């Protein structure tokens, strides 16, 4: 039985990189370590392990441009070939790409893998480069469809509210990339929001976190309004703090999950304020780069 997940521990990453080196670098006499680059900590990583926790397949997703990702370092152990593991890695990376707001992904496929990627919906664009003077690569691209149409109307309405009423959100190109009723993921233009160190500006991180929390409250309120129209009110931020853990560069997004929300909306039914505490995480790749905790008041509207 195989399990797909992201590497987390140092041991897992060591095995993850070793398989990458063993398949993609060792046959061409490249040194151990040549399988890694400077983008590792900013990327999305996926691996598949067998029942003994041996890593048997790996792949990585990078952010190439604001709306485009790149899949790199795809490798499957020789003994695990033909079991659909490469397809599982690709599907997982594409799913994440959609969630964080990327519209398409491309990759540079080795000549003997072009057919494999074509079966997965990738279009051949032409020759890319030759690695080590012998391994030809071809550029291939795939347009990503929406991950989920669920709650799309509410999410689009929220995005319009942001851009119309909060000029900074429009300048940041703040977008809702995923919402399913229990998880909200947002993203913004990280290139625009850079500081002099070429990492994400702290004020932009704070704005992304604040509006991600506010957005979850808005969408959760809309969910309840479908059952009872008295669930209505104005959402305001009453108290907040944020901790910055690490710089953000490349693939960045905000996320709120239902498990990180405390409080109820029921006070609104009695004409009273509702108090909701929301934790929003800002990610860089797969690492939490900032943690925001906000207390939001929902003030019932007076008819």
Protein backbone atom coordinates (compact mmCIF):
# COMPACT_ATOMS: atom_id res chain seq x y z
CA UNK A 1 0.00 0.00 0.00
CA UNK A 2 1.29 3.45 -0.93
CA UNK A 3 0.74 6.77 0.87
CA UNK A 4 1.04 10.21 -0.69
CA UNK A 5 2.06 13.11 1.54
CA UNK A 6 4.41 16.06 1.90
CA UNK A 7 7.83 15.41 3.46
CA UNK A 8 8.06 17.05 6.87
CA UNK A 9 10.92 15.70 8.98
CA UNK A 10 14.62 15.97 8.20
CA UNK A 11 14.71 12.20 7.67
CA UNK A 12 11.86 12.34 5.18
CA UNK A 13 13.49 15.16 3.24
CA UNK A 14 16.78 13.26 3.21
CA UNK A 15 15.08 10.23 1.65
CA UNK A 16 13.09 12.47 -0.69
CA UNK A 17 16.24 14.16 -2.02
CA UNK A 18 18.15 10.90 -2.22
CA UNK A 19 15.56 9.34 -4.54
CA UNK A 20 15.63 12.48 -6.67
CA UNK A 21 19.42 12.23 -6.92
CA UNK A 22 19.41 8.46 -7.51
CA UNK A 23 17.02 8.69 -10.47
CA UNK A 24 17.76 12.10 -11.97
CA UNK A 25 21.45 12.76 -11.25
CA UNK A 26 23.44 9.64 -10.33
CA UNK A 27 23.20 7.98 -13.78
CA UNK A 28 25.03 11.00 -15.20
CA UNK A 29 27.76 10.95 -12.53
CA UNK A 30 26.48 14.08 -10.77
CA UNK A 31 27.49 14.68 -7.17
CA UNK A 32 25.12 14.14 -4.26
CA UNK A 33 23.59 17.55 -3.60
CA UNK A 34 23.28 18.46 -7.26
CA UNK A 35 19.61 17.40 -7.06
CA UNK A 36 18.78 20.44 -4.89
CA UNK A 37 18.61 24.16 -5.62
CA UNK A 38 17.92 27.45 -3.85
CA UNK A 39 14.12 27.19 -4.27
CA UNK A 40 13.55 24.14 -2.09
CA UNK A 41 12.17 26.02 0.94
CA UNK A 42 9.77 28.07 -1.21
CA UNK A 43 8.29 25.12 -3.14
CA UNK A 44 5.53 22.55 -2.73
CA UNK A 45 6.84 19.01 -2.26
CA UNK A 46 5.01 15.70 -2.58
CA UNK A 47 6.24 12.15 -2.11
CA UNK A 48 4.82 8.63 -2.04
CA UNK A 49 6.02 6.09 0.53
CA UNK A 50 5.48 2.33 0.67
CA UNK A 51 4.39 0.27 3.70
CA UNK A 52 7.93 0.42 5.11
CA UNK A 53 8.01 4.22 4.73
CA UNK A 54 10.50 4.02 1.87
CA UNK A 55 10.19 6.97 -0.49
CA UNK A 56 9.34 5.61 -3.95
CA UNK A 57 8.13 8.68 -5.89
CA UNK A 58 8.70 12.44 -5.64
CA UNK A 59 7.81 15.72 -7.34
CA UNK A 60 7.95 19.48 -6.75
CA UNK A 61 5.80 22.49 -7.66
CA UNK A 62 7.35 25.95 -8.09
CA UNK A 63 5.79 29.29 -8.84
CA UNK A 64 7.08 30.50 -12.21
CA UNK A 65 4.98 33.64 -12.73
CA UNK A 66 2.01 35.11 -10.86
CA UNK A 67 -0.45 32.78 -12.60
CA UNK A 68 1.80 29.91 -13.69
CA UNK A 69 3.53 27.07 -11.88
CA UNK A 70 6.25 24.64 -12.87
CA UNK A 71 6.46 20.96 -11.97
CA UNK A 72 10.03 19.80 -11.51
CA UNK A 73 12.14 16.90 -10.26
CA UNK A 74 9.62 14.14 -11.00
CA UNK A 75 11.11 10.76 -10.13
CA UNK A 76 9.80 7.23 -9.48
CA UNK A 77 11.91 4.40 -8.09
CA UNK A 78 12.76 1.76 -10.71
CA UNK A 79 11.07 -0.99 -8.67
CA UNK A 80 7.83 1.04 -8.41
CA UNK A 81 7.43 1.81 -12.11
CA UNK A 82 4.12 1.02 -13.81
CA UNK A 83 1.96 1.43 -10.68
CA UNK A 84 0.55 4.87 -11.41
CA UNK A 85 2.66 6.65 -8.79
CA UNK A 86 3.90 9.34 -11.17
CA UNK A 87 0.31 10.16 -12.08
CA UNK A 88 -0.61 10.44 -8.39
CA UNK A 89 2.24 12.88 -7.78
CA UNK A 90 1.21 15.00 -10.78
CA UNK A 91 -2.44 15.02 -9.70
CA UNK A 92 -1.48 16.11 -6.18
CA UNK A 93 0.73 18.94 -7.43
CA UNK A 94 -1.92 20.11 -9.89
CA UNK A 95 -4.54 20.10 -7.12
CA UNK A 96 -2.33 22.29 -4.95
CA UNK A 97 -1.57 24.58 -7.90
CA UNK A 98 -5.30 25.16 -8.40
CA UNK A 99 -5.86 25.82 -4.71
CA UNK A 100 -3.22 28.53 -4.56
CA UNK A 101 -4.53 30.30 -7.66
CA UNK A 102 -2.29 29.13 -10.50
CA UNK A 103 -4.01 28.99 -13.89
CA UNK A 104 -1.64 26.59 -15.62
CA UNK A 105 1.48 24.54 -15.06
CA UNK A 106 4.36 23.64 -17.32
CA UNK A 107 7.23 21.20 -17.13
CA UNK A 108 10.30 20.23 -19.08
CA UNK A 109 9.86 16.54 -19.87
CA UNK A 110 12.64 14.17 -20.75
CA UNK A 111 12.29 12.76 -24.24
CA UNK A 112 11.22 9.31 -23.02
CA UNK A 113 8.49 10.84 -20.77
CA UNK A 114 6.69 13.03 -23.32
CA UNK A 115 4.05 10.37 -24.01
CA UNK A 116 3.35 9.93 -20.31
CA UNK A 117 2.62 13.63 -19.82
CA UNK A 118 0.53 13.83 -22.98
CA UNK A 119 -1.77 11.17 -21.51
CA UNK A 120 -2.20 13.44 -18.47
CA UNK A 121 -3.34 16.35 -20.64
CA UNK A 122 -0.07 18.21 -21.23
CA UNK A 123 0.49 19.81 -24.61
CA UNK A 124 3.89 19.61 -26.28
CA UNK A 125 5.26 23.08 -27.06
CA UNK A 126 8.64 22.12 -28.43
CA UNK A 127 12.26 21.55 -27.55
CA UNK A 128 13.45 23.08 -24.27
CA UNK A 129 17.07 22.13 -23.55
CA UNK A 130 19.56 19.27 -23.34
CA UNK A 131 20.84 18.32 -19.89
CA UNK A 132 24.46 17.20 -19.52
CA UNK A 133 24.77 17.25 -23.29
CA UNK A 134 22.72 14.06 -23.75
CA UNK A 135 19.28 14.26 -22.04
CA UNK A 136 16.84 16.14 -24.28
CA UNK A 137 13.94 17.97 -22.62
CA UNK A 138 10.71 19.25 -24.15
CA UNK A 139 8.50 22.00 -22.76
CA UNK A 140 4.91 20.92 -22.04
CA UNK A 141 2.00 22.88 -20.57
CA UNK A 142 -1.45 22.20 -19.14
CA UNK A 143 -4.31 24.60 -18.49
CA UNK A 144 -5.85 24.03 -15.08
CA UNK A 145 -9.61 24.05 -14.64
CA UNK A 146 -11.30 25.33 -11.49
CA UNK A 147 -10.68 23.00 -8.57
CA UNK A 148 -14.15 23.49 -7.16
CA UNK A 149 -17.27 25.26 -8.36
CA UNK A 150 -18.68 24.86 -4.86
CA UNK A 151 -19.50 28.26 -3.33
CA UNK A 152 -18.02 30.02 -6.37
CA UNK A 153 -20.72 32.71 -6.53
CA UNK A 154 -20.22 33.75 -2.90
CA UNK A 155 -16.45 33.78 -3.27
CA UNK A 156 -16.57 35.93 -6.40
CA UNK A 157 -18.94 38.36 -4.67
CA UNK A 158 -16.52 38.69 -1.75
CA UNK A 159 -13.62 39.34 -4.09
CA UNK A 160 -15.58 42.12 -5.80
CA UNK A 161 -16.37 43.68 -2.42
CA UNK A 162 -12.70 43.70 -1.51
CA UNK A 163 -11.57 45.28 -4.75
CA UNK A 164 -14.37 47.87 -4.73
CA UNK A 165 -14.18 48.98 -1.08
CA UNK A 166 -10.52 48.35 -0.17
CA UNK A 167 -8.21 49.91 -2.78
CA UNK A 168 -5.17 48.19 -1.30
CA UNK A 169 -6.68 44.74 -1.93
CA UNK A 170 -7.07 45.58 -5.61
CA UNK A 171 -3.53 46.93 -5.84
CA UNK A 172 -2.26 43.75 -4.19
CA UNK A 173 -4.36 41.71 -6.64
CA UNK A 174 -5.84 39.84 -3.70
CA UNK A 175 -7.73 36.79 -5.00
CA UNK A 176 -9.79 33.93 -3.62
CA UNK A 177 -8.34 30.76 -5.10
CA UNK A 178 -10.25 28.10 -3.14
CA UNK A 179 -13.29 27.79 -0.89
CA UNK A 180 -15.28 24.68 -0.02
CA UNK A 181 -17.20 25.72 3.08
CA UNK A 182 -14.53 24.53 5.52
CA UNK A 183 -11.33 25.95 4.01
CA UNK A 184 -10.56 29.32 2.44
CA UNK A 185 -7.34 29.96 0.51
CA UNK A 186 -6.32 33.37 -0.80
CA UNK A 187 -3.33 34.69 -2.70
CA UNK A 188 -1.91 37.96 -3.96
CA UNK A 189 0.73 39.28 -6.33
CA UNK A 190 3.94 38.60 -4.41
CA UNK A 191 6.07 40.39 -7.02
CA UNK A 192 4.10 43.62 -6.50
CA UNK A 193 4.24 43.25 -2.71
CA UNK A 194 8.00 42.95 -2.42
CA UNK A 195 10.17 44.97 -0.04
CA UNK A 196 13.74 46.11 -0.64
CA UNK A 197 14.97 42.60 0.29
CA UNK A 198 12.83 41.07 -2.50
CA UNK A 199 10.64 39.26 0.00
CA UNK A 200 7.02 39.98 0.81
CA UNK A 201 6.38 43.31 2.58
CA UNK A 202 5.22 42.82 6.19
CA UNK A 203 2.29 45.20 5.69
CA UNK A 204 1.09 43.17 2.72
CA UNK A 205 1.35 39.97 4.74
CA UNK A 206 -0.75 41.58 7.48
CA UNK A 207 -3.34 42.76 4.96
CA UNK A 208 -3.52 39.33 3.33
CA UNK A 209 -4.00 37.69 6.73
CA UNK A 210 -6.59 40.21 7.94
CA UNK A 211 -8.73 39.90 4.83
CA UNK A 212 -8.40 36.12 4.73
CA UNK A 213 -9.86 36.01 8.25
CA UNK A 214 -12.51 38.61 7.39
CA UNK A 215 -13.32 36.67 4.23
CA UNK A 216 -13.88 33.43 6.11
CA UNK A 217 -16.31 35.22 8.45
CA UNK A 218 -18.14 36.72 5.45
CA UNK A 219 -18.49 33.41 3.62
CA UNK A 220 -19.51 31.54 6.79
CA UNK A 221 -22.18 34.19 7.38
CA UNK A 222 -23.47 33.73 3.83
CA UNK A 223 -23.72 29.99 4.45
CA UNK A 224 -25.97 30.58 7.44
CA UNK A 225 -28.10 33.13 5.60
CA UNK A 226 -29.21 30.36 3.26
CA UNK A 227 -30.90 28.74 6.27
CA UNK A 228 -32.00 31.88 8.14
CA UNK A 229 -31.92 35.40 6.68
CA UNK A 230 -31.54 36.85 10.19
CA UNK A 231 -27.88 35.78 10.08
CA UNK A 232 -26.77 39.17 8.81
CA UNK A 233 -24.42 41.87 10.01
CA UNK A 234 -21.35 44.02 9.47
CA UNK A 235 -18.00 42.37 10.10
CA UNK A 236 -15.33 44.45 11.83
CA UNK A 237 -11.89 43.59 13.16
CA UNK A 238 -11.75 44.34 16.88
CA UNK A 239 -8.39 42.95 17.92
CA UNK A 240 -5.47 41.31 16.15
CA UNK A 241 -1.88 40.18 16.43
CA UNK A 242 0.51 38.56 14.00
CA UNK A 243 3.77 36.66 14.29
CA UNK A 244 6.20 36.65 11.38
CA UNK A 245 8.13 33.38 11.32
CA UNK A 246 10.16 33.58 8.11
CA UNK A 247 10.53 35.64 4.90
CA UNK A 248 8.13 34.99 2.05
CA UNK A 249 9.35 34.62 -1.50
CA UNK A 250 7.71 32.89 -4.44
CA UNK A 251 4.64 30.76 -3.75
CA UNK A 252 2.64 32.52 -1.00
CA UNK A 253 -0.96 32.15 0.11
CA UNK A 254 -3.27 32.69 3.07
CA UNK A 255 -5.42 29.98 4.60
CA UNK A 256 -8.18 29.62 7.19
CA UNK A 257 -9.66 26.25 8.11
CA UNK A 258 -12.82 25.74 10.13
CA UNK A 259 -10.93 24.03 12.96
CA UNK A 260 -9.07 27.31 13.63
CA UNK A 261 -12.26 29.32 14.16
CA UNK A 262 -13.80 29.85 17.61
CA UNK A 263 -17.15 31.45 18.36
CA UNK A 264 -20.71 31.36 17.06
CA UNK A 265 -23.00 33.46 14.94
CA UNK A 266 -26.12 32.66 16.99
CA UNK A 267 -26.11 35.97 18.89
CA UNK A 268 -27.20 37.65 15.67
CA UNK A 269 -30.55 35.89 15.91
CA UNK A 270 -31.13 37.77 19.17
CA UNK A 271 -30.02 41.11 17.77
CA UNK A 272 -26.70 40.95 19.63
CA UNK A 273 -23.08 41.15 18.49
CA UNK A 274 -21.40 37.89 17.49
CA UNK A 275 -17.74 37.40 18.43
CA UNK A 276 -15.55 35.21 16.21
CA UNK A 277 -11.84 34.46 16.74
CA UNK A 278 -10.03 33.32 13.62
CA UNK A 279 -6.48 32.08 13.09
CA UNK A 280 -5.15 32.64 9.58
CA UNK A 281 -1.85 31.20 8.41
CA UNK A 282 0.24 32.73 5.64
CA UNK A 283 2.29 30.11 3.85
CA UNK A 284 5.46 30.24 1.81
CA UNK A 285 5.52 27.02 -0.13
CA UNK A 286 4.54 24.46 2.53
CA UNK A 287 5.90 26.36 5.51
CA UNK A 288 3.90 28.66 7.76
CA UNK A 289 5.59 32.05 7.38
CA UNK A 290 3.17 34.09 9.51
CA UNK A 291 0.41 33.36 12.02
CA UNK A 292 -2.43 35.85 12.45
CA UNK A 293 -5.03 35.77 15.23
CA UNK A 294 -7.93 38.15 14.85
CA UNK A 295 -11.07 38.79 16.87
CA UNK A 296 -13.92 39.87 14.64
CA UNK A 297 -17.22 41.38 15.76
CA UNK A 298 -20.31 40.91 13.64
CA UNK A 299 -22.70 43.77 14.33
CA UNK A 300 -26.37 43.05 13.55
CA UNK A 301 -27.81 45.39 10.97
CA UNK A 302 -30.66 47.62 12.12
CA UNK A 303 -33.57 47.52 9.68
